[in-house]
Amino acid sequence: MSGPRIAVLGAGANGASIGADLTAAGLDPVLIEQWPSHVERMRADGIRIITPDSELHVRPRVLHLCEVAELKQPFDVVLMLMKAYDSRWAAELIRPYLAADGLMAGVQNGMTAGVVEDVVGASRTIGTVIECSATMDEPGVVHRHTGVDRSWFAVGELPGGPAGRAEEVAALLRHSGTVQHFDDIEAAKWMKLVSNSTLLVTSAILGLPMLDALHTPGYREVMVTAGNEALAVGAAAGHPVLPIFGLTPDEIADPDQVVEIMTDKLFTGFVVPGATTTVLQDWVKGRHSEVDDLNGHVVARGAELGVPTPVNAAVVELAHAIERGELEPSPAHLDAMSRARG
């Protein structure tokens, strides 16, 4: 095997999928993971990535987080796939092992590119967007709902970043899906945040798979309103509307229709029957979710910019109550989200 020294920092469902694709392509990524049972299973049996059409079984190199301190050589590229709320400490953990001319990309939900930039500097940061659906309920086995042909990524340099080097990350991610370049990657990430604000937490609050939630009367209106609030906050922050997920310029020409069109594109191209969001998966496992980095970020930025976000605020309040154990996910919570629309 040859090529750049690559680390996949966070080998959950999406990280393991990308790491497996890179391994199958003849590269030699090191998967760095914090779940001991998952690390042990990958070392013993490799990683299995099961898609609707195929199964991939590879044996990548794997390290536990506590073994990072034993590394002797720096990485040329770090693809970070940790939860958004783990971004800062994880970036700090790997920073001493990123080459002086290396690149780090937060392949995550949320507005994490600035966190990576804070830790490793703009000259080593590549902004990235991911749209890939996968679940992992047992160590060493990933059920990937969107195979390589249906997964989508975006890359781009931040202002002051390493000019012309986004392609180095794109070339790696292209083994896992379609990759699109954006000059304004922060705006592209905000567009993904708009999409995430519509679906990830709202469907989890109902305790339903994404398609089941979509077909619940009244839910689409909540989704679209939450997304439109996030779009308005982005506009106030100076982010232009960009065509992510393969949208065309014509499809984003009318700001009043962007969220509806993007939602339809998401469900048509990326959502499969029975698939639940990462937020509901976290709650089922007893973990807290990324709500504060998704709808919570929209609410916080909206407050700073004077943009009302009542539906996102209701979503955050319900999610926090669920995480405190005061509520259980249930379709009954749709009424509370609907009332916030006014």
Protein backbone atom coordinates (compact mmCIF):
# COMPACT_ATOMS: atom_id res chain seq x y z
CA MET A 1 0.00 0.00 0.00
CA SER A 2 1.17 3.52 -0.75
CA GLY A 3 -0.05 7.08 -0.74
CA PRO A 4 -0.56 9.71 1.94
CA ARG A 5 -0.56 8.80 5.61
CA ILE A 6 -4.25 9.03 6.51
CA ALA A 7 -6.07 8.99 9.83
CA VAL A 8 -9.81 8.56 10.17
CA LEU A 9 -10.48 10.06 13.58
CA GLY A 10 -13.78 8.59 14.74
CA ALA A 11 -14.66 5.20 13.26
CA GLY A 12 -18.37 5.09 13.96
CA ALA A 13 -20.82 4.22 11.21
CA ASN A 14 -19.71 6.89 8.74
CA GLY A 15 -16.06 6.92 9.75
CA ALA A 16 -15.79 3.15 9.47
CA SER A 17 -17.50 3.27 6.07
CA ILE A 18 -15.04 5.83 4.73
CA GLY A 19 -12.10 4.00 6.30
CA ALA A 20 -13.24 0.74 4.71
CA ASP A 21 -13.59 2.38 1.30
CA LEU A 22 -10.08 3.83 1.53
CA THR A 23 -8.69 0.45 2.57
CA ALA A 24 -10.46 -1.31 -0.28
CA ALA A 25 -8.99 1.27 -2.67
CA GLY A 26 -5.47 0.20 -1.71
CA LEU A 27 -4.72 3.03 0.69
CA ASP A 28 -3.63 2.46 4.28
CA PRO A 29 -5.77 4.58 6.63
CA VAL A 30 -5.47 4.30 10.39
CA LEU A 31 -8.88 4.23 12.06
CA ILE A 32 -8.80 5.86 15.50
CA GLU A 33 -11.79 5.03 17.68
CA GLN A 34 -12.96 5.44 21.28
CA TRP A 35 -15.38 2.47 21.65
CA PRO A 36 -13.22 -0.35 23.06
CA SER A 37 -15.44 -3.21 21.88
CA HIS A 38 -15.51 -1.79 18.36
CA VAL A 39 -11.72 -1.44 18.30
CA GLU A 40 -11.27 -5.01 19.51
CA ARG A 41 -13.76 -6.42 16.99
CA MET A 42 -12.16 -4.57 14.08
CA ARG A 43 -8.74 -5.85 15.12
CA ALA A 44 -9.96 -9.41 15.44
CA ASP A 45 -12.39 -9.69 12.54
CA GLY A 46 -12.04 -6.55 10.45
CA ILE A 47 -14.96 -4.27 9.57
CA ARG A 48 -18.05 -5.29 7.60
CA ILE A 49 -19.94 -2.59 5.69
CA ILE A 50 -23.35 -3.88 4.60
CA THR A 51 -25.21 -1.88 1.95
CA PRO A 52 -28.51 -2.66 0.21
CA ASP A 53 -26.58 -4.03 -2.78
CA SER A 54 -23.32 -5.40 -1.46
CA GLU A 55 -21.05 -6.17 1.48
CA LEU A 56 -17.48 -4.99 2.00
CA HIS A 57 -15.17 -6.75 4.47
CA VAL A 58 -11.72 -5.27 5.09
CA ARG A 59 -9.10 -5.26 7.81
CA PRO A 60 -7.84 -1.71 8.35
CA ARG A 61 -5.29 -0.66 10.90
CA VAL A 62 -7.03 0.43 14.10
CA LEU A 63 -5.96 2.40 17.16
CA HIS A 64 -7.77 3.19 20.37
CA LEU A 65 -7.74 6.85 21.39
CA CYS A 66 -5.38 6.05 24.26
CA GLU A 67 -2.83 4.71 21.75
CA VAL A 68 -2.55 7.98 19.83
CA ALA A 69 0.24 9.07 22.19
CA GLU A 70 2.31 6.15 20.88
CA LEU A 71 2.34 7.40 17.27
CA LYS A 72 5.79 8.01 15.82
CA GLN A 73 5.04 9.47 12.37
CA PRO A 74 2.71 12.36 11.49
CA PHE A 75 -0.33 12.06 9.27
CA ASP A 76 -0.63 13.87 5.94
CA VAL A 77 -4.43 13.95 6.12
CA VAL A 78 -6.80 13.60 9.06
CA LEU A 79 -10.48 13.02 8.32
CA MET A 80 -12.34 13.74 11.55
CA LEU A 81 -15.72 12.03 11.91
CA MET A 82 -16.34 12.60 15.60
CA LYS A 83 -19.60 14.04 16.92
CA ALA A 84 -19.72 17.81 16.45
CA TYR A 85 -19.58 18.38 20.22
CA ASP A 86 -16.36 16.34 20.42
CA SER A 87 -14.61 18.32 17.69
CA ARG A 88 -12.41 20.59 19.76
CA TRP A 89 -10.87 18.06 22.13
CA ALA A 90 -10.50 15.52 19.33
CA ALA A 91 -8.74 18.06 17.11
CA GLU A 92 -6.43 18.96 19.99
CA LEU A 93 -5.71 15.27 20.55
CA ILE A 94 -4.57 14.69 16.98
CA ARG A 95 -2.93 18.10 16.38
CA PRO A 96 0.59 17.00 17.47
CA TYR A 97 0.38 14.14 14.95
CA LEU A 98 -0.66 16.23 11.93
CA ALA A 99 2.24 17.00 9.60
CA ALA A 100 3.37 20.63 9.35
CA ASP A 101 2.04 20.69 5.80
CA GLY A 102 -0.78 18.24 6.54
CA LEU A 103 -4.52 18.76 6.13
CA MET A 104 -7.38 18.18 8.54
CA ALA A 105 -11.03 18.01 7.49
CA GLY A 106 -14.02 17.83 9.81
CA VAL A 107 -16.28 15.47 7.86
CA GLN A 108 -19.18 16.20 10.18
CA ASN A 109 -22.52 17.83 10.73
CA GLY A 110 -22.55 21.25 12.34
CA MET A 111 -20.40 24.33 11.80
CA THR A 112 -17.15 22.65 12.85
CA ALA A 113 -14.72 23.99 10.25
CA GLY A 114 -13.95 26.99 12.46
CA VAL A 115 -13.11 24.69 15.36
CA VAL A 116 -10.62 22.77 13.24
CA GLU A 117 -9.16 26.07 12.03
CA ASP A 118 -8.78 27.30 15.62
CA VAL A 119 -6.83 24.19 16.57
CA VAL A 120 -4.60 23.46 13.57
CA GLY A 121 -4.65 26.79 11.70
CA ALA A 122 -6.28 27.89 8.47
CA SER A 123 -3.32 26.67 6.40
CA ARG A 124 -4.05 23.07 7.42
CA THR A 125 -7.88 23.17 7.39
CA ILE A 126 -10.24 21.94 4.69
CA GLY A 127 -13.97 22.50 5.19
CA THR A 128 -16.16 19.50 4.42
CA VAL A 129 -19.84 18.60 4.18
CA ILE A 130 -21.16 15.03 4.41
CA GLU A 131 -24.44 13.44 3.39
CA CYS A 132 -24.25 9.73 4.11
CA SER A 133 -26.68 7.53 6.04
CA ALA A 134 -25.44 4.59 8.11
CA THR A 135 -26.06 2.88 11.45
CA MET A 136 -23.97 0.70 13.72
CA ASP A 137 -25.67 -1.31 16.45
CA GLU A 138 -22.90 -3.82 17.11
CA PRO A 139 -19.11 -3.58 17.05
CA GLY A 140 -17.47 -4.18 13.70
CA VAL A 141 -20.65 -4.12 11.61
CA VAL A 142 -22.04 -1.09 9.79
CA HIS A 143 -25.33 -0.97 7.91
CA ARG A 144 -24.77 1.71 5.31
CA HIS A 145 -28.05 2.87 3.78
CA THR A 146 -26.47 5.10 1.13
CA GLY A 147 -23.76 3.27 -0.76
CA VAL A 148 -20.94 4.98 -2.60
CA ASP A 149 -23.24 5.78 -5.52
CA ARG A 150 -25.70 7.63 -3.23
CA SER A 151 -23.35 9.38 -0.79
CA TRP A 152 -22.36 13.03 -1.26
CA PHE A 153 -19.58 15.27 0.05
CA ALA A 154 -18.42 18.84 -0.43
CA VAL A 155 -14.98 20.33 0.12
CA GLY A 156 -13.42 23.77 0.10
CA GLU A 157 -10.75 25.94 1.67
CA LEU A 158 -11.60 28.53 4.31
CA PRO A 159 -10.46 32.14 3.80
CA GLY A 160 -6.69 32.17 4.24
CA GLY A 161 -6.60 28.43 3.79
CA PRO A 162 -4.29 26.22 1.73
CA ALA A 163 -5.13 27.38 -1.80
CA GLY A 164 -5.75 24.60 -4.26
CA ARG A 165 -5.40 21.75 -1.78
CA ALA A 166 -9.05 20.82 -1.24
CA GLU A 167 -8.66 18.32 -4.05
CA GLU A 168 -6.32 16.26 -1.86
CA VAL A 169 -9.22 15.62 0.52
CA ALA A 170 -11.71 15.32 -2.33
CA ALA A 171 -9.60 12.58 -3.92
CA LEU A 172 -9.91 10.53 -0.74
CA LEU A 173 -13.62 11.12 -0.20
CA ARG A 174 -14.32 10.27 -3.84
CA HIS A 175 -13.76 6.63 -2.88
CA SER A 176 -16.90 6.97 -0.71
CA GLY A 177 -19.20 9.11 -2.83
CA THR A 178 -19.69 12.06 -5.14
CA VAL A 179 -17.61 15.12 -4.19
CA GLN A 180 -18.44 18.73 -5.04
CA HIS A 181 -16.10 21.72 -4.63
CA PHE A 182 -17.35 25.02 -3.16
CA ASP A 183 -15.49 28.31 -3.01
CA ASP A 184 -17.61 29.28 0.03
CA ILE A 185 -17.50 26.07 2.05
CA GLU A 186 -18.88 27.75 5.19
CA ALA A 187 -22.01 28.70 3.25
CA ALA A 188 -22.26 25.12 1.96
CA LYS A 189 -21.98 23.87 5.54
CA TRP A 190 -24.72 26.28 6.58
CA MET A 191 -26.94 24.88 3.82
CA LYS A 192 -26.36 21.41 5.28
CA LEU A 193 -27.24 22.84 8.70
CA VAL A 194 -30.49 24.13 7.19
CA SER A 195 -31.24 20.61 5.98
CA ASN A 196 -30.24 19.04 9.30
CA SER A 197 -32.46 21.51 11.16
CA THR A 198 -35.48 20.25 9.26
CA LEU A 199 -35.04 16.55 9.88
CA LEU A 200 -32.48 15.14 12.28
CA VAL A 201 -33.86 16.22 15.65
CA THR A 202 -37.48 16.76 14.65
CA SER A 203 -38.00 13.17 13.47
CA ALA A 204 -36.05 11.85 16.47
CA ILE A 205 -38.40 13.71 18.82
CA LEU A 206 -41.25 11.74 17.26
CA GLY A 207 -39.32 8.50 17.78
CA LEU A 208 -39.89 7.58 14.14
CA PRO A 209 -37.79 6.61 11.12
CA MET A 210 -37.36 9.53 8.77
CA LEU A 211 -39.80 8.39 6.10
CA ASP A 212 -42.44 7.50 8.69
CA ALA A 213 -42.10 10.98 10.18
CA LEU A 214 -42.42 12.59 6.73
CA HIS A 215 -45.76 10.84 6.20
CA THR A 216 -47.13 11.97 9.58
CA PRO A 217 -49.79 14.66 8.99
CA GLY A 218 -48.48 18.09 9.94
CA TYR A 219 -44.83 17.08 10.16
CA ARG A 220 -43.71 18.44 6.80
CA GLU A 221 -44.93 21.91 7.76
CA VAL A 222 -42.80 21.79 10.92
CA MET A 223 -39.77 20.64 8.94
CA VAL A 224 -40.07 23.37 6.36
CA THR A 225 -40.61 26.10 8.96
CA ALA A 226 -37.57 24.98 10.95
CA GLY A 227 -35.52 24.99 7.76
CA ASN A 228 -36.77 28.41 6.70
CA GLU A 229 -35.81 29.82 10.09
CA ALA A 230 -32.30 28.41 9.66
CA LEU A 231 -32.13 29.80 6.12
CA ALA A 232 -33.12 33.26 7.40
CA VAL A 233 -30.43 33.13 10.09
CA GLY A 234 -27.88 32.14 7.46
CA ALA A 235 -28.91 35.05 5.25
CA ALA A 236 -28.54 37.46 8.18
CA ALA A 237 -25.06 36.01 8.79
CA GLY A 238 -24.14 36.69 5.15
CA HIS A 239 -24.28 33.10 3.84
CA PRO A 240 -25.55 32.84 0.25
CA VAL A 241 -27.92 30.06 -0.78
CA LEU A 242 -25.88 27.32 -2.48
CA PRO A 243 -26.90 24.19 -4.43
CA ILE A 244 -25.86 21.28 -2.20
CA PHE A 245 -27.01 17.65 -2.66
CA GLY A 246 -26.75 18.08 -6.44
CA LEU A 247 -29.37 20.82 -6.63
CA THR A 248 -29.24 22.99 -9.74
CA PRO A 249 -28.98 26.81 -9.75
CA ASP A 250 -32.59 26.97 -10.98
CA GLU A 251 -33.77 24.93 -7.99
CA ILE A 252 -32.37 27.48 -5.54
CA ALA A 253 -33.41 30.57 -7.47
CA ASP A 254 -36.50 31.19 -5.30
CA PRO A 255 -35.51 31.47 -1.62
CA ASP A 256 -39.11 30.79 -0.58
CA GLN A 257 -38.95 27.34 -2.20
CA VAL A 258 -35.39 26.31 -1.38
CA VAL A 259 -36.14 24.37 1.81
CA GLU A 260 -39.03 22.46 0.26
CA ILE A 261 -36.99 21.55 -2.82
CA MET A 262 -33.95 20.59 -0.75
CA THR A 263 -36.13 18.45 1.52
CA ASP A 264 -37.62 16.62 -1.46
CA LYS A 265 -34.14 16.08 -2.93
CA LEU A 266 -32.93 14.70 0.41
CA PHE A 267 -35.78 12.22 0.76
CA THR A 268 -35.59 11.14 -2.87
CA GLY A 269 -31.85 10.64 -3.00
CA PHE A 270 -30.62 9.81 0.49
CA VAL A 271 -33.36 8.48 2.78
CA VAL A 272 -34.34 4.81 2.73
CA PRO A 273 -37.27 3.07 4.48
CA GLY A 274 -36.64 2.29 8.14
CA ALA A 275 -33.60 4.58 8.46
CA THR A 276 -33.47 6.68 11.62
CA THR A 277 -31.41 9.78 12.22
CA THR A 278 -28.17 9.81 14.14
CA VAL A 279 -29.98 11.76 16.87
CA LEU A 280 -32.53 9.01 17.51
CA GLN A 281 -29.74 6.42 17.34
CA ASP A 282 -27.92 8.32 20.10
CA TRP A 283 -31.02 8.49 22.27
CA VAL A 284 -31.73 4.77 21.88
CA LYS A 285 -28.16 4.15 23.10
CA GLY A 286 -28.65 6.49 26.07
CA ARG A 287 -26.33 9.19 24.70
CA HIS A 288 -26.86 12.91 24.31
CA SER A 289 -27.19 14.17 20.76
CA GLU A 290 -25.86 16.95 18.55
CA VAL A 291 -28.99 19.07 19.03
CA ASP A 292 -27.01 22.02 20.41
CA ASP A 293 -24.78 21.97 17.32
CA LEU A 294 -27.78 21.78 14.98
CA ASN A 295 -31.07 23.44 15.91
CA GLY A 296 -29.40 24.91 19.00
CA HIS A 297 -26.80 26.64 16.85
CA VAL A 298 -29.58 28.12 14.71
CA VAL A 299 -31.30 29.45 17.83
CA ALA A 300 -28.09 30.91 19.26
CA ARG A 301 -27.07 32.62 16.01
CA GLY A 302 -30.62 33.83 15.49
CA ALA A 303 -30.57 35.49 18.92
CA GLU A 304 -27.27 37.19 18.08
CA LEU A 305 -28.59 38.46 14.75
CA GLY A 306 -32.13 39.33 15.79
CA VAL A 307 -33.81 36.61 13.71
CA PRO A 308 -36.75 34.78 15.39
CA THR A 309 -36.44 30.99 15.53
CA PRO A 310 -39.47 29.76 17.51
CA VAL A 311 -39.76 26.30 15.92
CA ASN A 312 -36.06 25.56 16.35
CA ALA A 313 -36.32 26.76 19.94
CA ALA A 314 -39.23 24.37 20.57
CA VAL A 315 -37.24 21.53 19.01
CA VAL A 316 -34.28 22.25 21.29
CA GLU A 317 -36.50 22.43 24.38
CA LEU A 318 -38.15 19.09 23.61
CA ALA A 319 -34.80 17.45 22.80
CA HIS A 320 -33.29 18.64 26.07
CA ALA A 321 -36.29 17.28 27.99
CA ILE A 322 -35.81 13.91 26.30
CA GLU A 323 -32.11 13.89 27.12
CA ARG A 324 -32.87 14.73 30.77
CA GLY A 325 -35.19 11.73 30.89
CA GLU A 326 -38.31 13.86 31.42
CA LEU A 327 -39.90 12.84 28.11
CA GLU A 328 -39.75 9.87 25.76
CA PRO A 329 -39.65 10.34 21.98
CA SER A 330 -43.24 10.18 20.73
CA PRO A 331 -45.43 11.37 17.84
CA ALA A 332 -47.43 13.20 20.52
CA HIS A 333 -44.73 15.90 20.56
CA LEU A 334 -45.65 17.00 17.05
CA ASP A 335 -48.36 19.24 18.55
CA ALA A 336 -45.81 21.22 20.56
CA MET A 337 -43.61 21.75 17.51
CA SER A 338 -46.63 22.70 15.39
CA ARG A 339 -47.84 25.26 17.94
CA ALA A 340 -44.47 27.00 17.75
CA ARG A 341 -45.22 27.83 14.12
CA GLY A 342 -47.79 30.34 15.37
